[in-house]
């Protein structure tokens, strides 16, 4: 399970809402007296780790959306007899699978068996950054930027697929009197 970033020293509050009633509690996180890093540097570390964490969450949410859409497409391909729909489903499934395979390892959960993919490489940066009480190193920042660029390219392909290929598949389905698929809402719950 992926934990969120460690917050820097400072004053915070937490709010609990149950059955229409809210409770708020203020608290303070103090600096460890053994740590000589400035609060500003700890803040920079937090901001960077939060950025990496957000990119990782965006990646995982995209994979969930992709899998949902692909599952719907595969379902229609199994249920219909219209060859044009089956062919379009196979083509769309292949495009979605290629994107997924770049983002996450789909062959095995054991990283020793197959090479890690973009999401696990990105996740590896988080403990490396939080291992020390300092802002991320230039090497970590460069690695993140490289991975984020590659992830963004895959996410852009997914967006194009959802914006162009899925509507084309839906149009084909409608002309074949087959119900169209629906792209799930990709916004994360708040």
N, C-alpha and C. Protein backbone atom coordinates (compact mmCIF):
# COMPACT_ATOMS: atom_id res chain seq x y z
N UNK A 1 0.84 -1.17 0.00
CA UNK A 1 0.00 0.00 0.00
C UNK A 1 0.89 1.24 0.00
N UNK A 2 0.51 2.23 -0.76
CA UNK A 2 1.27 3.45 -0.89
C UNK A 2 0.79 4.47 0.13
N UNK A 3 1.71 4.93 0.96
CA UNK A 3 1.38 5.95 1.96
C UNK A 3 1.58 7.33 1.34
N UNK A 4 0.91 8.30 1.88
CA UNK A 4 1.08 9.67 1.41
C UNK A 4 2.40 10.25 1.91
N UNK A 5 2.76 11.42 1.42
CA UNK A 5 4.03 12.03 1.82
C UNK A 5 4.03 12.49 3.27
N UNK A 6 5.21 12.46 3.87
CA UNK A 6 5.36 13.00 5.23
C UNK A 6 5.25 14.51 5.17
N UNK A 7 4.45 15.07 6.04
CA UNK A 7 4.29 16.52 6.05
C UNK A 7 5.41 17.17 6.86
N UNK A 8 5.78 18.38 6.51
CA UNK A 8 6.84 19.06 7.26
C UNK A 8 6.32 19.57 8.60
N UNK A 9 7.21 19.96 9.48
CA UNK A 9 6.79 20.53 10.76
C UNK A 9 5.88 21.74 10.54
N UNK A 10 4.90 21.87 11.42
CA UNK A 10 3.98 23.00 11.33
C UNK A 10 2.69 22.71 12.06
N UNK A 11 1.78 23.66 12.01
CA UNK A 11 0.47 23.52 12.65
C UNK A 11 -0.53 23.00 11.63
N UNK A 12 -1.33 22.02 12.04
CA UNK A 12 -2.30 21.38 11.16
C UNK A 12 -3.61 21.21 11.91
N UNK A 13 -4.63 20.79 11.16
CA UNK A 13 -5.89 20.41 11.78
C UNK A 13 -6.48 19.24 11.01
N UNK A 14 -7.25 18.45 11.71
CA UNK A 14 -7.93 17.32 11.11
C UNK A 14 -9.42 17.48 11.41
N UNK A 15 -10.26 17.11 10.42
CA UNK A 15 -11.70 17.23 10.61
C UNK A 15 -12.33 15.87 10.34
N UNK A 16 -13.20 15.46 11.25
CA UNK A 16 -13.95 14.23 11.12
C UNK A 16 -15.42 14.59 11.02
N UNK A 17 -16.08 14.10 9.98
CA UNK A 17 -17.51 14.34 9.79
C UNK A 17 -18.22 13.00 9.76
N UNK A 18 -19.19 12.84 10.67
CA UNK A 18 -19.97 11.61 10.76
C UNK A 18 -21.44 11.99 10.92
N UNK A 19 -22.24 11.49 10.04
CA UNK A 19 -23.68 11.68 10.15
C UNK A 19 -24.07 13.15 10.32
N UNK A 20 -23.42 14.00 9.54
CA UNK A 20 -23.73 15.42 9.57
C UNK A 20 -23.08 16.22 10.69
N UNK A 21 -22.35 15.57 11.58
CA UNK A 21 -21.65 16.27 12.67
C UNK A 21 -20.17 16.29 12.37
N UNK A 22 -19.54 17.46 12.61
CA UNK A 22 -18.11 17.60 12.34
C UNK A 22 -17.35 17.94 13.62
N UNK A 23 -16.17 17.37 13.73
CA UNK A 23 -15.26 17.68 14.82
C UNK A 23 -13.92 18.04 14.21
N UNK A 24 -13.32 19.06 14.76
CA UNK A 24 -12.02 19.52 14.28
C UNK A 24 -11.04 19.51 15.44
N UNK A 25 -9.84 19.02 15.17
CA UNK A 25 -8.79 18.99 16.18
C UNK A 25 -7.53 19.58 15.58
N UNK A 26 -6.98 20.52 16.27
CA UNK A 26 -5.71 21.11 15.83
C UNK A 26 -4.57 20.33 16.47
N UNK A 27 -3.46 20.28 15.75
CA UNK A 27 -2.26 19.63 16.29
C UNK A 27 -1.04 20.23 15.62
N UNK A 28 0.11 19.97 16.18
CA UNK A 28 1.36 20.50 15.64
C UNK A 28 2.37 19.38 15.50
N UNK A 29 3.05 19.41 14.37
CA UNK A 29 4.15 18.47 14.15
C UNK A 29 5.42 19.26 14.40
N UNK A 30 6.19 18.79 15.36
CA UNK A 30 7.42 19.49 15.75
C UNK A 30 8.61 18.93 14.97
N UNK A 31 9.62 19.74 14.83
CA UNK A 31 10.87 19.31 14.20
C UNK A 31 11.61 18.38 15.14
N UNK A 32 12.10 17.29 14.60
CA UNK A 32 12.94 16.38 15.38
C UNK A 32 14.20 17.15 15.76
N UNK A 33 14.53 17.24 17.05
CA UNK A 33 15.69 18.03 17.45
C UNK A 33 17.01 17.51 16.88
N UNK A 34 17.04 16.27 16.43
CA UNK A 34 18.26 15.71 15.85
C UNK A 34 18.44 16.12 14.39
N UNK A 35 17.38 16.63 13.77
CA UNK A 35 17.43 16.99 12.36
C UNK A 35 17.90 18.43 12.22
N UNK A 36 18.90 18.62 11.42
CA UNK A 36 19.47 19.95 11.23
C UNK A 36 18.95 20.64 9.95
N UNK A 37 18.09 19.97 9.23
CA UNK A 37 17.53 20.51 8.00
C UNK A 37 16.53 21.62 8.33
N UNK A 38 16.55 22.67 7.53
CA UNK A 38 15.62 23.78 7.77
C UNK A 38 14.19 23.35 7.45
N UNK A 39 13.25 24.05 8.06
CA UNK A 39 11.83 23.79 7.79
C UNK A 39 11.53 24.06 6.32
N UNK A 40 12.20 25.04 5.72
CA UNK A 40 11.99 25.35 4.31
C UNK A 40 12.42 24.18 3.43
N UNK A 41 13.57 23.56 3.74
CA UNK A 41 14.03 22.40 2.97
C UNK A 41 13.10 21.21 3.16
N UNK A 42 12.60 21.02 4.37
CA UNK A 42 11.63 19.95 4.60
C UNK A 42 10.34 20.22 3.82
N UNK A 43 9.98 21.48 3.72
CA UNK A 43 8.81 21.86 2.92
C UNK A 43 9.04 21.58 1.45
N UNK A 44 10.24 21.84 0.95
CA UNK A 44 10.55 21.55 -0.46
C UNK A 44 10.51 20.04 -0.70
N UNK A 45 11.00 19.28 0.26
CA UNK A 45 10.95 17.82 0.14
C UNK A 45 9.49 17.37 0.04
N UNK A 46 8.65 17.89 0.93
CA UNK A 46 7.23 17.53 0.93
C UNK A 46 6.57 17.88 -0.40
N UNK A 47 6.81 19.07 -0.91
CA UNK A 47 6.20 19.49 -2.17
C UNK A 47 6.60 18.58 -3.32
N UNK A 48 7.88 18.21 -3.35
CA UNK A 48 8.35 17.33 -4.43
C UNK A 48 7.74 15.94 -4.30
N UNK A 49 7.76 15.39 -3.09
CA UNK A 49 7.19 14.06 -2.86
C UNK A 49 5.69 14.08 -3.18
N UNK A 50 5.00 15.14 -2.82
CA UNK A 50 3.57 15.25 -3.13
C UNK A 50 3.35 15.28 -4.64
N UNK A 51 4.23 15.92 -5.38
CA UNK A 51 4.14 15.96 -6.84
C UNK A 51 4.32 14.56 -7.43
N UNK A 52 5.31 13.83 -6.93
CA UNK A 52 5.55 12.46 -7.41
C UNK A 52 4.35 11.58 -7.07
N UNK A 53 3.88 11.72 -5.85
CA UNK A 53 2.72 10.92 -5.40
C UNK A 53 1.50 11.21 -6.28
N UNK A 54 1.27 12.47 -6.60
CA UNK A 54 0.12 12.84 -7.44
C UNK A 54 0.25 12.23 -8.84
N UNK A 55 1.45 12.23 -9.40
CA UNK A 55 1.67 11.64 -10.72
C UNK A 55 1.43 10.14 -10.67
N UNK A 56 1.84 9.50 -9.59
CA UNK A 56 1.61 8.07 -9.44
C UNK A 56 0.11 7.76 -9.32
N UNK A 57 -0.59 8.57 -8.56
CA UNK A 57 -2.05 8.39 -8.43
C UNK A 57 -2.75 8.61 -9.77
N UNK A 58 -2.31 9.61 -10.52
CA UNK A 58 -2.87 9.89 -11.84
C UNK A 58 -2.65 8.68 -12.77
N UNK A 59 -1.46 8.10 -12.68
CA UNK A 59 -1.13 6.93 -13.50
C UNK A 59 -2.04 5.75 -13.15
N UNK A 60 -2.18 5.48 -11.86
CA UNK A 60 -3.01 4.36 -11.43
C UNK A 60 -4.48 4.58 -11.77
N UNK A 61 -4.96 5.80 -11.64
CA UNK A 61 -6.36 6.09 -12.01
C UNK A 61 -6.56 5.89 -13.50
N UNK A 62 -5.59 6.28 -14.30
CA UNK A 62 -5.69 6.08 -15.75
C UNK A 62 -5.74 4.59 -16.09
N UNK A 63 -4.94 3.79 -15.39
CA UNK A 63 -4.94 2.34 -15.64
C UNK A 63 -6.30 1.75 -15.26
N UNK A 64 -6.88 2.20 -14.17
CA UNK A 64 -8.20 1.71 -13.78
C UNK A 64 -9.25 2.06 -14.84
N UNK A 65 -9.19 3.27 -15.36
CA UNK A 65 -10.12 3.68 -16.42
C UNK A 65 -9.90 2.84 -17.66
N UNK A 66 -8.66 2.69 -18.04
CA UNK A 66 -8.31 1.90 -19.21
C UNK A 66 -8.85 0.47 -19.09
N UNK A 67 -8.65 -0.14 -17.92
CA UNK A 67 -9.11 -1.51 -17.71
C UNK A 67 -10.64 -1.60 -17.76
N UNK A 68 -11.30 -0.59 -17.24
CA UNK A 68 -12.76 -0.57 -17.28
C UNK A 68 -13.25 -0.53 -18.73
N UNK A 69 -12.69 0.39 -19.51
CA UNK A 69 -13.10 0.54 -20.90
C UNK A 69 -12.77 -0.73 -21.68
N UNK A 70 -11.57 -1.26 -21.49
CA UNK A 70 -11.18 -2.48 -22.21
C UNK A 70 -12.10 -3.64 -21.84
N UNK A 71 -12.47 -3.74 -20.58
CA UNK A 71 -13.39 -4.80 -20.17
C UNK A 71 -14.73 -4.69 -20.87
N UNK A 72 -15.23 -3.46 -21.01
CA UNK A 72 -16.50 -3.27 -21.72
C UNK A 72 -16.36 -3.66 -23.19
N UNK A 73 -15.26 -3.24 -23.80
CA UNK A 73 -15.03 -3.55 -25.22
C UNK A 73 -14.93 -5.06 -25.42
N UNK A 74 -14.17 -5.72 -24.57
CA UNK A 74 -14.02 -7.17 -24.68
C UNK A 74 -15.36 -7.88 -24.46
N UNK A 75 -16.16 -7.34 -23.56
CA UNK A 75 -17.48 -7.92 -23.32
C UNK A 75 -18.35 -7.86 -24.56
N UNK A 76 -18.34 -6.71 -25.24
CA UNK A 76 -19.14 -6.59 -26.46
C UNK A 76 -18.61 -7.50 -27.54
N UNK A 77 -17.32 -7.63 -27.63
CA UNK A 77 -16.73 -8.48 -28.66
C UNK A 77 -17.16 -9.94 -28.47
N UNK A 78 -17.33 -10.36 -27.23
CA UNK A 78 -17.77 -11.75 -26.96
C UNK A 78 -19.26 -11.94 -27.22
N UNK A 79 -20.05 -10.88 -27.07
CA UNK A 79 -21.51 -11.02 -27.14
C UNK A 79 -22.08 -10.82 -28.54
N UNK A 80 -21.40 -10.09 -29.39
CA UNK A 80 -21.99 -9.77 -30.69
C UNK A 80 -21.46 -10.69 -31.78
N UNK A 81 -22.22 -10.77 -32.83
CA UNK A 81 -21.82 -11.57 -33.99
C UNK A 81 -21.37 -10.70 -35.15
N UNK A 82 -21.48 -9.39 -35.02
CA UNK A 82 -21.11 -8.47 -36.10
C UNK A 82 -19.58 -8.42 -36.20
N UNK A 83 -19.04 -8.87 -37.32
CA UNK A 83 -17.59 -8.97 -37.47
C UNK A 83 -16.91 -7.60 -37.39
N UNK A 84 -17.54 -6.58 -37.92
CA UNK A 84 -16.93 -5.23 -37.87
C UNK A 84 -16.75 -4.78 -36.42
N UNK A 85 -17.71 -5.07 -35.56
CA UNK A 85 -17.60 -4.72 -34.14
C UNK A 85 -16.50 -5.55 -33.50
N UNK A 86 -16.44 -6.83 -33.82
CA UNK A 86 -15.39 -7.69 -33.26
C UNK A 86 -14.00 -7.19 -33.67
N UNK A 87 -13.84 -6.81 -34.94
CA UNK A 87 -12.55 -6.31 -35.43
C UNK A 87 -12.17 -5.00 -34.75
N UNK A 88 -13.14 -4.09 -34.65
CA UNK A 88 -12.88 -2.81 -33.98
C UNK A 88 -12.56 -3.02 -32.51
N UNK A 89 -13.24 -3.96 -31.88
CA UNK A 89 -12.96 -4.26 -30.47
C UNK A 89 -11.55 -4.80 -30.30
N UNK A 90 -11.14 -5.69 -31.18
CA UNK A 90 -9.78 -6.23 -31.10
C UNK A 90 -8.73 -5.13 -31.27
N UNK A 91 -8.95 -4.25 -32.21
CA UNK A 91 -8.02 -3.15 -32.46
C UNK A 91 -7.95 -2.20 -31.25
N UNK A 92 -9.11 -1.85 -30.72
CA UNK A 92 -9.16 -0.96 -29.56
C UNK A 92 -8.52 -1.62 -28.34
N UNK A 93 -8.79 -2.89 -28.15
CA UNK A 93 -8.20 -3.64 -27.03
C UNK A 93 -6.67 -3.66 -27.14
N UNK A 94 -6.16 -3.85 -28.33
CA UNK A 94 -4.71 -3.87 -28.54
C UNK A 94 -4.08 -2.53 -28.19
N UNK A 95 -4.73 -1.44 -28.60
CA UNK A 95 -4.20 -0.10 -28.28
C UNK A 95 -4.20 0.15 -26.77
N UNK A 96 -5.31 -0.21 -26.12
CA UNK A 96 -5.39 -0.02 -24.67
C UNK A 96 -4.37 -0.88 -23.93
N UNK A 97 -4.20 -2.11 -24.38
CA UNK A 97 -3.24 -3.01 -23.73
C UNK A 97 -1.81 -2.51 -23.91
N UNK A 98 -1.50 -1.95 -25.05
CA UNK A 98 -0.15 -1.40 -25.27
C UNK A 98 0.13 -0.24 -24.30
N UNK A 99 -0.85 0.60 -24.09
CA UNK A 99 -0.69 1.71 -23.15
C UNK A 99 -0.53 1.17 -21.74
N UNK A 100 -1.39 0.25 -21.35
CA UNK A 100 -1.30 -0.34 -20.01
C UNK A 100 0.05 -1.00 -19.79
N UNK A 101 0.54 -1.72 -20.78
CA UNK A 101 1.81 -2.43 -20.65
C UNK A 101 3.00 -1.49 -20.48
N UNK A 102 2.88 -0.28 -20.97
CA UNK A 102 3.95 0.70 -20.77
C UNK A 102 3.87 1.29 -19.36
N UNK A 103 2.66 1.42 -18.85
CA UNK A 103 2.48 2.06 -17.54
C UNK A 103 2.71 1.10 -16.38
N UNK A 104 2.20 -0.13 -16.48
CA UNK A 104 2.30 -1.08 -15.37
C UNK A 104 2.73 -2.45 -15.89
N UNK A 105 3.34 -3.23 -15.02
CA UNK A 105 3.73 -4.59 -15.37
C UNK A 105 2.49 -5.47 -15.30
N UNK A 106 2.08 -6.01 -16.42
CA UNK A 106 0.87 -6.81 -16.47
C UNK A 106 1.15 -8.31 -16.45
N UNK A 107 2.40 -8.70 -16.59
CA UNK A 107 2.72 -10.12 -16.67
C UNK A 107 2.90 -10.77 -15.31
N UNK A 108 3.34 -10.01 -14.33
CA UNK A 108 3.62 -10.60 -13.02
C UNK A 108 3.67 -9.52 -11.96
N UNK A 109 3.29 -9.88 -10.74
CA UNK A 109 3.42 -8.95 -9.63
C UNK A 109 4.80 -9.08 -8.98
N UNK A 110 5.56 -10.06 -9.36
CA UNK A 110 6.91 -10.26 -8.83
C UNK A 110 7.90 -9.49 -9.69
N UNK A 111 8.48 -8.40 -9.19
CA UNK A 111 9.36 -7.57 -10.02
C UNK A 111 10.64 -8.28 -10.45
N UNK A 112 10.94 -9.41 -9.82
CA UNK A 112 12.14 -10.15 -10.23
C UNK A 112 11.90 -10.96 -11.48
N UNK A 113 10.63 -11.19 -11.82
CA UNK A 113 10.30 -12.02 -12.97
C UNK A 113 10.32 -11.24 -14.29
N UNK A 114 9.85 -10.01 -14.25
CA UNK A 114 9.77 -9.19 -15.45
C UNK A 114 10.23 -7.78 -15.11
N UNK A 115 10.65 -7.01 -16.09
CA UNK A 115 11.13 -5.65 -15.79
C UNK A 115 10.04 -4.76 -15.23
N UNK A 116 10.44 -3.84 -14.37
CA UNK A 116 9.48 -2.89 -13.81
C UNK A 116 9.06 -1.90 -14.90
N UNK A 117 7.89 -1.37 -14.72
CA UNK A 117 7.34 -0.41 -15.69
C UNK A 117 7.32 0.98 -15.06
N UNK A 118 6.73 1.92 -15.76
CA UNK A 118 6.81 3.32 -15.35
C UNK A 118 6.26 3.56 -13.95
N UNK A 119 5.14 2.94 -13.60
CA UNK A 119 4.56 3.21 -12.28
C UNK A 119 5.47 2.73 -11.15
N UNK A 120 6.05 1.56 -11.28
CA UNK A 120 6.91 1.07 -10.19
C UNK A 120 8.23 1.82 -10.13
N UNK A 121 8.72 2.26 -11.27
CA UNK A 121 9.93 3.09 -11.26
C UNK A 121 9.67 4.42 -10.56
N UNK A 122 8.50 4.98 -10.84
CA UNK A 122 8.12 6.23 -10.19
C UNK A 122 7.93 6.02 -8.69
N UNK A 123 7.28 4.94 -8.31
CA UNK A 123 7.04 4.66 -6.89
C UNK A 123 8.35 4.48 -6.13
N UNK A 124 9.36 4.01 -6.79
CA UNK A 124 10.66 3.81 -6.15
C UNK A 124 11.29 5.13 -5.71
N UNK A 125 10.94 6.20 -6.37
CA UNK A 125 11.52 7.51 -6.02
C UNK A 125 11.03 8.01 -4.66
N UNK A 126 9.82 7.62 -4.28
CA UNK A 126 9.24 8.15 -3.04
C UNK A 126 10.07 7.80 -1.81
N UNK A 127 10.38 6.53 -1.55
CA UNK A 127 11.18 6.24 -0.36
C UNK A 127 12.61 6.79 -0.46
N UNK A 128 13.13 6.90 -1.67
CA UNK A 128 14.46 7.46 -1.83
C UNK A 128 14.49 8.93 -1.41
N UNK A 129 13.43 9.65 -1.74
CA UNK A 129 13.37 11.06 -1.37
C UNK A 129 13.11 11.23 0.12
N UNK A 130 12.28 10.38 0.68
CA UNK A 130 11.93 10.53 2.09
C UNK A 130 12.93 9.85 3.03
N UNK A 131 13.91 9.17 2.47
CA UNK A 131 14.92 8.49 3.28
C UNK A 131 15.74 9.49 4.08
N UNK A 132 15.93 10.65 3.50
CA UNK A 132 16.73 11.67 4.19
C UNK A 132 15.84 12.85 4.56
N UNK A 133 16.36 13.70 5.39
CA UNK A 133 15.65 14.92 5.77
C UNK A 133 16.23 16.07 4.98
N UNK A 134 16.00 16.03 3.68
CA UNK A 134 16.55 17.05 2.79
C UNK A 134 15.71 17.11 1.52
N UNK A 135 15.82 18.20 0.80
CA UNK A 135 15.12 18.25 -0.49
C UNK A 135 15.66 17.15 -1.41
N UNK A 136 14.92 16.79 -2.46
CA UNK A 136 15.40 15.74 -3.35
C UNK A 136 16.68 16.17 -4.07
N UNK A 137 17.49 15.17 -4.37
CA UNK A 137 18.74 15.44 -5.08
C UNK A 137 18.43 15.78 -6.53
N UNK A 138 19.41 16.34 -7.21
CA UNK A 138 19.25 16.67 -8.63
C UNK A 138 19.00 15.40 -9.44
N UNK A 139 19.62 14.30 -9.05
CA UNK A 139 19.42 13.03 -9.77
C UNK A 139 17.98 12.54 -9.62
N UNK A 140 17.42 12.66 -8.43
CA UNK A 140 16.02 12.25 -8.24
C UNK A 140 15.08 13.12 -9.06
N UNK A 141 15.33 14.42 -9.05
CA UNK A 141 14.49 15.34 -9.81
C UNK A 141 14.57 15.02 -11.30
N UNK A 142 15.78 14.78 -11.81
CA UNK A 142 15.94 14.45 -13.23
C UNK A 142 15.26 13.13 -13.58
N UNK A 143 15.37 12.16 -12.69
CA UNK A 143 14.73 10.86 -12.93
C UNK A 143 13.22 11.03 -12.96
N UNK A 144 12.68 11.79 -12.01
CA UNK A 144 11.24 12.04 -12.00
C UNK A 144 10.81 12.71 -13.30
N UNK A 145 11.53 13.73 -13.72
CA UNK A 145 11.14 14.46 -14.92
C UNK A 145 11.13 13.54 -16.14
N UNK A 146 12.11 12.66 -16.23
CA UNK A 146 12.17 11.71 -17.33
C UNK A 146 10.97 10.75 -17.28
N UNK A 147 10.71 10.20 -16.10
CA UNK A 147 9.59 9.27 -15.95
C UNK A 147 8.25 9.98 -16.18
N UNK A 148 8.10 11.17 -15.64
CA UNK A 148 6.85 11.92 -15.81
C UNK A 148 6.59 12.24 -17.28
N UNK A 149 7.63 12.56 -18.01
CA UNK A 149 7.49 12.84 -19.44
C UNK A 149 7.01 11.59 -20.18
N UNK A 150 7.57 10.45 -19.84
CA UNK A 150 7.18 9.20 -20.48
C UNK A 150 5.75 8.81 -20.08
N UNK A 151 5.42 9.00 -18.81
CA UNK A 151 4.05 8.71 -18.37
C UNK A 151 3.06 9.63 -19.06
N UNK A 152 3.40 10.92 -19.13
CA UNK A 152 2.50 11.88 -19.79
C UNK A 152 2.27 11.51 -21.25
N UNK A 153 3.30 10.98 -21.92
CA UNK A 153 3.13 10.56 -23.31
C UNK A 153 2.13 9.40 -23.40
N UNK A 154 2.22 8.45 -22.48
CA UNK A 154 1.27 7.34 -22.47
C UNK A 154 -0.13 7.82 -22.11
N UNK A 155 -0.23 8.73 -21.14
CA UNK A 155 -1.54 9.27 -20.76
C UNK A 155 -2.16 10.06 -21.90
N UNK A 156 -1.33 10.75 -22.68
CA UNK A 156 -1.84 11.48 -23.85
C UNK A 156 -2.37 10.50 -24.89
N UNK A 157 -1.68 9.36 -25.07
CA UNK A 157 -2.20 8.34 -25.99
C UNK A 157 -3.54 7.80 -25.50
N UNK A 158 -3.63 7.59 -24.18
CA UNK A 158 -4.90 7.12 -23.61
C UNK A 158 -5.99 8.15 -23.84
N UNK A 159 -5.70 9.41 -23.61
CA UNK A 159 -6.70 10.46 -23.82
C UNK A 159 -7.16 10.49 -25.27
N UNK A 160 -6.21 10.37 -26.22
CA UNK A 160 -6.58 10.33 -27.63
C UNK A 160 -7.47 9.11 -27.92
N UNK A 161 -7.12 8.00 -27.34
CA UNK A 161 -7.89 6.77 -27.53
C UNK A 161 -9.32 6.95 -26.99
N UNK A 162 -9.42 7.53 -25.79
CA UNK A 162 -10.74 7.74 -25.19
C UNK A 162 -11.54 8.80 -25.94
N UNK A 163 -10.85 9.79 -26.50
CA UNK A 163 -11.53 10.89 -27.19
C UNK A 163 -11.86 10.56 -28.64
N UNK A 164 -11.08 9.67 -29.27
CA UNK A 164 -11.30 9.39 -30.70
C UNK A 164 -11.72 7.95 -30.96
N UNK A 165 -10.94 7.00 -30.45
CA UNK A 165 -11.19 5.59 -30.76
C UNK A 165 -12.46 5.06 -30.10
N UNK A 166 -12.69 5.43 -28.85
CA UNK A 166 -13.90 4.95 -28.17
C UNK A 166 -15.16 5.52 -28.83
N UNK A 167 -15.22 6.82 -29.14
CA UNK A 167 -16.41 7.31 -29.85
C UNK A 167 -16.60 6.64 -31.23
N UNK A 168 -15.49 6.35 -31.92
CA UNK A 168 -15.60 5.66 -33.21
C UNK A 168 -16.15 4.25 -33.00
N UNK A 169 -15.70 3.58 -31.96
CA UNK A 169 -16.21 2.25 -31.64
C UNK A 169 -17.70 2.34 -31.29
N UNK A 170 -18.07 3.33 -30.50
CA UNK A 170 -19.47 3.52 -30.13
C UNK A 170 -20.34 3.77 -31.37
N UNK A 171 -19.82 4.57 -32.29
CA UNK A 171 -20.58 4.86 -33.52
C UNK A 171 -20.78 3.59 -34.33
N UNK A 172 -19.74 2.77 -34.41
CA UNK A 172 -19.86 1.49 -35.11
C UNK A 172 -20.88 0.59 -34.42
N UNK A 173 -20.84 0.59 -33.11
CA UNK A 173 -21.80 -0.21 -32.35
C UNK A 173 -23.23 0.24 -32.64
N UNK A 174 -23.44 1.55 -32.65
CA UNK A 174 -24.79 2.07 -32.89
C UNK A 174 -25.29 1.71 -34.29
N UNK A 175 -24.41 1.76 -35.30
CA UNK A 175 -24.84 1.38 -36.65
C UNK A 175 -25.11 -0.11 -36.76
N UNK A 176 -24.56 -0.88 -35.83
CA UNK A 176 -24.79 -2.33 -35.80
C UNK A 176 -25.86 -2.72 -34.79
N UNK A 177 -26.60 -1.70 -34.29
CA UNK A 177 -27.65 -1.91 -33.29
C UNK A 177 -27.14 -2.59 -32.03
N UNK A 178 -25.97 -2.18 -31.60
CA UNK A 178 -25.36 -2.68 -30.37
C UNK A 178 -25.18 -1.49 -29.43
N UNK A 179 -25.48 -1.68 -28.15
CA UNK A 179 -25.30 -0.60 -27.18
C UNK A 179 -23.83 -0.18 -27.11
N UNK A 180 -23.58 1.09 -26.91
CA UNK A 180 -22.22 1.63 -26.84
C UNK A 180 -21.65 1.47 -25.43
N UNK A 181 -20.34 1.60 -25.34
CA UNK A 181 -19.67 1.53 -24.04
C UNK A 181 -19.59 2.92 -23.43
N UNK A 182 -19.34 2.99 -22.13
CA UNK A 182 -19.26 4.27 -21.42
C UNK A 182 -17.89 4.38 -20.76
N UNK A 183 -17.27 5.54 -20.91
CA UNK A 183 -16.00 5.81 -20.26
C UNK A 183 -16.30 6.29 -18.85
N UNK A 184 -15.73 5.63 -17.84
CA UNK A 184 -16.02 6.05 -16.45
C UNK A 184 -15.42 7.43 -16.15
N UNK A 185 -16.00 8.08 -15.16
CA UNK A 185 -15.51 9.36 -14.68
C UNK A 185 -14.13 9.14 -14.08
N UNK A 186 -13.12 9.86 -14.57
CA UNK A 186 -11.74 9.64 -14.13
C UNK A 186 -11.35 10.51 -12.95
N UNK A 187 -12.25 11.36 -12.50
CA UNK A 187 -11.92 12.19 -11.36
C UNK A 187 -11.88 11.33 -10.10
N UNK A 188 -10.88 11.57 -9.28
CA UNK A 188 -10.75 10.83 -8.03
C UNK A 188 -11.76 11.35 -7.03
N UNK A 189 -12.33 10.47 -6.22
CA UNK A 189 -13.25 10.95 -5.20
C UNK A 189 -12.53 11.83 -4.18
N UNK A 190 -13.22 12.84 -3.70
CA UNK A 190 -12.59 13.73 -2.73
C UNK A 190 -13.02 13.40 -1.34
